[in-house]
Amino acid sequence: MQKTNKRMAKTFRVTGTGKLMRRKAGQAHFNARENGNTTKNKRRDLVVGRTSRRIKEVINI
């Protein structure tokens, strides 16, 4: 059995239906100059695409 890749395990989250979610990039700083809609959209998580089977293997799900 393969060890869990800790960076991948912290990056991705599995939903109840088995989909993988991740945060959008670029949320850490320089957010004060963004307009309100951009700031609001940055709060949303993204659903990961077709590579999810490989990612699930790496994070041992």
PDB file of N, CA and C in Angstrom:
ATOM      1  N   MET A   1       0.839  -1.195   0.000  1.00  0.00           N
ATOM      2  CA  MET A   1       0.000   0.000   0.000  1.00  0.00           C
ATOM      3  C   MET A   1       0.876   1.248   0.000  1.00  0.00           C
ATOM      4  N   GLN A   2       0.445   2.226  -0.734  1.00  0.00           N
ATOM      5  CA  GLN A   2       1.209   3.451  -0.906  1.00  0.00           C
ATOM      6  C   GLN A   2       0.949   4.421   0.240  1.00  0.00           C
ATOM      7  N   LYS A   3       1.979   5.189   0.609  1.00  0.00           N
ATOM      8  CA  LYS A   3       1.805   6.218   1.643  1.00  0.00           C
ATOM      9  C   LYS A   3       0.919   7.345   1.110  1.00  0.00           C
ATOM     10  N   THR A   4       0.227   8.020   2.014  1.00  0.00           N
ATOM     11  CA  THR A   4      -0.595   9.171   1.648  1.00  0.00           C
ATOM     12  C   THR A   4       0.297  10.366   1.356  1.00  0.00           C
ATOM     13  N   ASN A   5       0.031  11.038   0.239  1.00  0.00           N
ATOM     14  CA  ASN A   5       0.732  12.266  -0.075  1.00  0.00           C
ATOM     15  C   ASN A   5       0.064  13.390   0.724  1.00  0.00           C
ATOM     16  N   LYS A   6       0.762  13.924   1.730  1.00  0.00           N
ATOM     17  CA  LYS A   6       0.153  14.858   2.675  1.00  0.00           C
ATOM     18  C   LYS A   6      -0.218  16.185   2.020  1.00  0.00           C
ATOM     19  N   ARG A   7       0.577  16.667   1.054  1.00  0.00           N
ATOM     20  CA  ARG A   7       0.234  17.920   0.393  1.00  0.00           C
ATOM     21  C   ARG A   7      -1.070  17.768  -0.381  1.00  0.00           C
ATOM     22  N   MET A   8      -1.235  16.653  -1.061  1.00  0.00           N
ATOM     23  CA  MET A   8      -2.460  16.418  -1.818  1.00  0.00           C
ATOM     24  C   MET A   8      -3.646  16.234  -0.870  1.00  0.00           C
ATOM     25  N   ALA A   9      -3.434  15.571   0.248  1.00  0.00           N
ATOM     26  CA  ALA A   9      -4.519  15.337   1.197  1.00  0.00           C
ATOM     27  C   ALA A   9      -5.004  16.643   1.810  1.00  0.00           C
ATOM     28  N   LYS A  10      -4.105  17.617   1.976  1.00  0.00           N
ATOM     29  CA  LYS A  10      -4.503  18.915   2.528  1.00  0.00           C
ATOM     30  C   LYS A  10      -5.115  19.821   1.468  1.00  0.00           C
ATOM     31  N   THR A  11      -4.791  19.582   0.200  1.00  0.00           N
ATOM     32  CA  THR A  11      -5.271  20.433  -0.886  1.00  0.00           C
ATOM     33  C   THR A  11      -6.693  20.061  -1.301  1.00  0.00           C
ATOM     34  N   PHE A  12      -6.989  18.777  -1.336  1.00  0.00           N
ATOM     35  CA  PHE A  12      -8.269  18.306  -1.854  1.00  0.00           C
ATOM     36  C   PHE A  12      -9.148  17.798  -0.724  1.00  0.00           C
ATOM     37  N   ARG A  13     -10.466  17.943  -0.920  1.00  0.00           N
ATOM     38  CA  ARG A  13     -11.457  17.499   0.057  1.00  0.00           C
ATOM     39  C   ARG A  13     -12.496  16.685  -0.705  1.00  0.00           C
ATOM     40  N   VAL A  14     -12.935  15.581  -0.124  1.00  0.00           N
ATOM     41  CA  VAL A  14     -13.908  14.715  -0.785  1.00  0.00           C
ATOM     42  C   VAL A  14     -15.292  15.031  -0.249  1.00  0.00           C
ATOM     43  N   THR A  15     -16.252  15.214  -1.146  1.00  0.00           N
ATOM     44  CA  THR A  15     -17.625  15.489  -0.743  1.00  0.00           C
ATOM     45  C   THR A  15     -18.328  14.186  -0.394  1.00  0.00           C
ATOM     46  N   GLY A  16     -19.538  14.286   0.075  1.00  0.00           N
ATOM     47  CA  GLY A  16     -20.303  13.105   0.417  1.00  0.00           C
ATOM     48  C   GLY A  16     -20.616  12.224  -0.773  1.00  0.00           C
ATOM     49  N   THR A  17     -20.718  12.822  -1.959  1.00  0.00           N
ATOM     50  CA  THR A  17     -21.008  12.039  -3.164  1.00  0.00           C
ATOM     51  C   THR A  17     -19.743  11.553  -3.855  1.00  0.00           C
ATOM     52  N   GLY A  18     -18.558  11.850  -3.292  1.00  0.00           N
ATOM     53  CA  GLY A  18     -17.310  11.348  -3.848  1.00  0.00           C
ATOM     54  C   GLY A  18     -16.589  12.301  -4.769  1.00  0.00           C
ATOM     55  N   LYS A  19     -17.122  13.508  -4.980  1.00  0.00           N
ATOM     56  CA  LYS A  19     -16.431  14.486  -5.820  1.00  0.00           C
ATOM     57  C   LYS A  19     -15.272  15.105  -5.046  1.00  0.00           C
ATOM     58  N   LEU A  20     -14.264  15.579  -5.761  1.00  0.00           N
ATOM     59  CA  LEU A  20     -13.118  16.239  -5.150  1.00  0.00           C
ATOM     60  C   LEU A  20     -13.264  17.747  -5.300  1.00  0.00           C
ATOM     61  N   MET A  21     -13.008  18.471  -4.220  1.00  0.00           N
ATOM     62  CA  MET A  21     -13.079  19.927  -4.227  1.00  0.00           C
ATOM     63  C   MET A  21     -11.708  20.480  -3.870  1.00  0.00           C
ATOM     64  N   ARG A  22     -11.405  21.675  -4.395  1.00  0.00           N
ATOM     65  CA  ARG A  22     -10.180  22.364  -4.021  1.00  0.00           C
ATOM     66  C   ARG A  22     -10.435  23.851  -3.986  1.00  0.00           C
ATOM     67  N   ARG A  23      -9.567  24.604  -3.305  1.00  0.00           N
ATOM     68  CA  ARG A  23      -9.691  26.054  -3.233  1.00  0.00           C
ATOM     69  C   ARG A  23      -9.120  26.680  -4.494  1.00  0.00           C
ATOM     70  N   LYS A  24      -9.639  27.848  -4.857  1.00  0.00           N
ATOM     71  CA  LYS A  24      -9.058  28.606  -5.961  1.00  0.00           C
ATOM     72  C   LYS A  24      -7.731  29.204  -5.522  1.00  0.00           C
ATOM     73  N   ALA A  25      -6.834  29.399  -6.479  1.00  0.00           N
ATOM     74  CA  ALA A  25      -5.554  30.019  -6.189  1.00  0.00           C
ATOM     75  C   ALA A  25      -5.720  31.529  -6.071  1.00  0.00           C
ATOM     76  N   GLY A  26      -4.777  32.187  -5.419  1.00  0.00           N
ATOM     77  CA  GLY A  26      -4.741  33.640  -5.379  1.00  0.00           C
ATOM     78  C   GLY A  26      -5.647  34.260  -4.341  1.00  0.00           C
ATOM     79  N   GLN A  27      -5.815  33.645  -3.191  1.00  0.00           N
ATOM     80  CA  GLN A  27      -6.695  34.181  -2.167  1.00  0.00           C
ATOM     81  C   GLN A  27      -5.955  34.699  -0.951  1.00  0.00           C
ATOM     82  N   ALA A  28      -4.646  34.568  -0.923  1.00  0.00           N
ATOM     83  CA  ALA A  28      -3.910  34.831   0.306  1.00  0.00           C
ATOM     84  C   ALA A  28      -3.767  36.323   0.616  1.00  0.00           C
ATOM     85  N   HIS A  29      -3.419  37.131  -0.374  1.00  0.00           N
ATOM     86  CA  HIS A  29      -3.202  38.556  -0.118  1.00  0.00           C
ATOM     87  C   HIS A  29      -3.497  39.344  -1.379  1.00  0.00           C
ATOM     88  N   PHE A  30      -3.385  40.668  -1.298  1.00  0.00           N
ATOM     89  CA  PHE A  30      -3.744  41.598  -2.374  1.00  0.00           C
ATOM     90  C   PHE A  30      -5.236  41.529  -2.691  1.00  0.00           C
ATOM     91  N   ASN A  31      -6.067  41.276  -1.688  1.00  0.00           N
ATOM     92  CA  ASN A  31      -7.495  41.180  -1.928  1.00  0.00           C
ATOM     93  C   ASN A  31      -8.213  42.514  -1.732  1.00  0.00           C
ATOM     94  N   ALA A  32      -7.570  43.481  -1.107  1.00  0.00           N
ATOM     95  CA  ALA A  32      -8.223  44.757  -0.843  1.00  0.00           C
ATOM     96  C   ALA A  32      -8.484  45.527  -2.136  1.00  0.00           C
ATOM     97  N   ARG A  33      -7.649  45.332  -3.145  1.00  0.00           N
ATOM     98  CA  ARG A  33      -7.825  46.076  -4.390  1.00  0.00           C
ATOM     99  C   ARG A  33      -8.856  45.429  -5.316  1.00  0.00           C
ATOM    100  N   GLU A  34      -9.294  44.217  -5.007  1.00  0.00           N
ATOM    101  CA  GLU A  34     -10.302  43.556  -5.833  1.00  0.00           C
ATOM    102  C   GLU A  34     -11.682  44.155  -5.550  1.00  0.00           C
ATOM    103  N   ASN A  35     -12.541  44.100  -6.549  1.00  0.00           N
ATOM    104  CA  ASN A  35     -13.894  44.584  -6.299  1.00  0.00           C
ATOM    105  C   ASN A  35     -14.692  43.519  -5.536  1.00  0.00           C
ATOM    106  N   GLY A  36     -15.875  43.865  -5.105  1.00  0.00           N
ATOM    107  CA  GLY A  36     -16.647  42.987  -4.241  1.00  0.00           C
ATOM    108  C   GLY A  36     -17.029  41.677  -4.886  1.00  0.00           C
ATOM    109  N   ASN A  37     -17.350  41.708  -6.178  1.00  0.00           N
ATOM    110  CA  ASN A  37     -17.737  40.465  -6.853  1.00  0.00           C
ATOM    111  C   ASN A  37     -16.572  39.502  -6.952  1.00  0.00           C
ATOM    112  N   THR A  38     -15.391  40.006  -7.228  1.00  0.00           N
ATOM    113  CA  THR A  38     -14.216  39.146  -7.310  1.00  0.00           C
ATOM    114  C   THR A  38     -13.919  38.519  -5.961  1.00  0.00           C
ATOM    115  N   THR A  39     -13.995  39.310  -4.908  1.00  0.00           N
ATOM    116  CA  THR A  39     -13.747  38.792  -3.568  1.00  0.00           C
ATOM    117  C   THR A  39     -14.758  37.708  -3.219  1.00  0.00           C
ATOM    118  N   LYS A  40     -16.000  37.922  -3.570  1.00  0.00           N
ATOM    119  CA  LYS A  40     -17.047  36.929  -3.290  1.00  0.00           C
ATOM    120  C   LYS A  40     -16.804  35.646  -4.086  1.00  0.00           C
ATOM    121  N   ASN A  41     -16.407  35.783  -5.343  1.00  0.00           N
ATOM    122  CA  ASN A  41     -16.175  34.602  -6.175  1.00  0.00           C
ATOM    123  C   ASN A  41     -14.968  33.809  -5.701  1.00  0.00           C
ATOM    124  N   LYS A  42     -14.010  34.470  -5.086  1.00  0.00           N
ATOM    125  CA  LYS A  42     -12.828  33.760  -4.594  1.00  0.00           C
ATOM    126  C   LYS A  42     -13.154  32.852  -3.411  1.00  0.00           C
ATOM    127  N   ARG A  43     -14.284  33.076  -2.767  1.00  0.00           N
ATOM    128  CA  ARG A  43     -14.650  32.234  -1.626  1.00  0.00           C
ATOM    129  C   ARG A  43     -15.157  30.863  -2.043  1.00  0.00           C
ATOM    130  N   ARG A  44     -15.515  30.718  -3.313  1.00  0.00           N
ATOM    131  CA  ARG A  44     -16.063  29.447  -3.783  1.00  0.00           C
ATOM    132  C   ARG A  44     -14.960  28.417  -3.999  1.00  0.00           C
ATOM    133  N   ASP A  45     -15.286  27.158  -3.755  1.00  0.00           N
ATOM    134  CA  ASP A  45     -14.373  26.071  -4.060  1.00  0.00           C
ATOM    135  C   ASP A  45     -14.675  25.544  -5.456  1.00  0.00           C
ATOM    136  N   LEU A  46     -13.699  24.890  -6.048  1.00  0.00           N
ATOM    137  CA  LEU A  46     -13.852  24.350  -7.392  1.00  0.00           C
ATOM    138  C   LEU A  46     -13.950  22.835  -7.349  1.00  0.00           C
ATOM    139  N   VAL A  47     -14.750  22.269  -8.243  1.00  0.00           N
ATOM    140  CA  VAL A  47     -14.813  20.818  -8.402  1.00  0.00           C
ATOM    141  C   VAL A  47     -13.683  20.416  -9.336  1.00  0.00           C
ATOM    142  N   VAL A  48     -12.939  19.391  -8.952  1.00  0.00           N
ATOM    143  CA  VAL A  48     -11.803  18.926  -9.745  1.00  0.00           C
ATOM    144  C   VAL A  48     -12.328  18.093 -10.906  1.00  0.00           C
ATOM    145  N   GLY A  49     -11.613  18.121 -12.027  1.00  0.00           N
ATOM    146  CA  GLY A  49     -12.051  17.460 -13.246  1.00  0.00           C
ATOM    147  C   GLY A  49     -11.757  15.971 -13.298  1.00  0.00           C
ATOM    148  N   ARG A  50     -11.382  15.487 -14.468  1.00  0.00           N
ATOM    149  CA  ARG A  50     -11.318  14.059 -14.736  1.00  0.00           C
ATOM    150  C   ARG A  50     -10.130  13.355 -14.091  1.00  0.00           C
ATOM    151  N   THR A  51      -9.162  14.069 -13.574  1.00  0.00           N
ATOM    152  CA  THR A  51      -7.982  13.427 -12.981  1.00  0.00           C
ATOM    153  C   THR A  51      -8.272  12.913 -11.578  1.00  0.00           C
ATOM    154  N   SER A  52      -9.518  12.984 -11.161  1.00  0.00           N
ATOM    155  CA  SER A  52      -9.849  12.694  -9.769  1.00  0.00           C
ATOM    156  C   SER A  52      -9.514  11.263  -9.357  1.00  0.00           C
ATOM    157  N   ARG A  53      -9.561  10.299 -10.281  1.00  0.00           N
ATOM    158  CA  ARG A  53      -9.258   8.923  -9.890  1.00  0.00           C
ATOM    159  C   ARG A  53      -7.813   8.798  -9.433  1.00  0.00           C
ATOM    160  N   ARG A  54      -6.905   9.435 -10.139  1.00  0.00           N
ATOM    161  CA  ARG A  54      -5.480   9.392  -9.772  1.00  0.00           C
ATOM    162  C   ARG A  54      -5.251  10.105  -8.449  1.00  0.00           C
ATOM    163  N   ILE A  55      -5.908  11.230  -8.246  1.00  0.00           N
ATOM    164  CA  ILE A  55      -5.740  11.982  -6.988  1.00  0.00           C
ATOM    165  C   ILE A  55      -6.262  11.157  -5.819  1.00  0.00           C
ATOM    166  N   LYS A  56      -7.384  10.474  -6.013  1.00  0.00           N
ATOM    167  CA  LYS A  56      -7.921   9.636  -4.937  1.00  0.00           C
ATOM    168  C   LYS A  56      -6.969   8.519  -4.573  1.00  0.00           C
ATOM    169  N   GLU A  57      -6.242   7.979  -5.566  1.00  0.00           N
ATOM    170  CA  GLU A  57      -5.242   6.951  -5.267  1.00  0.00           C
ATOM    171  C   GLU A  57      -4.110   7.520  -4.411  1.00  0.00           C
ATOM    172  N   VAL A  58      -3.691   8.737  -4.724  1.00  0.00           N
ATOM    173  CA  VAL A  58      -2.558   9.347  -4.020  1.00  0.00           C
ATOM    174  C   VAL A  58      -2.922   9.706  -2.578  1.00  0.00           C
ATOM    175  N   ILE A  59      -4.182  10.111  -2.359  1.00  0.00           N
ATOM    176  CA  ILE A  59      -4.573  10.484  -0.994  1.00  0.00           C
ATOM    177  C   ILE A  59      -5.282   9.341  -0.270  1.00  0.00           C
ATOM    178  N   ASN A  60      -5.221   8.141  -0.864  1.00  0.00           N
ATOM    179  CA  ASN A  60      -5.708   6.905  -0.230  1.00  0.00           C
ATOM    180  C   ASN A  60      -7.161   6.972   0.190  1.00  0.00           C
ATOM    181  N   ILE A  61      -8.036   7.165  -0.767  1.00  0.00           N
ATOM    182  CA  ILE A  61      -9.470   7.142  -0.478  1.00  0.00           C
ATOM    183  C   ILE A  61     -10.057   5.871  -1.050  1.00  0.00           C
TER     184      ILE A  61
END
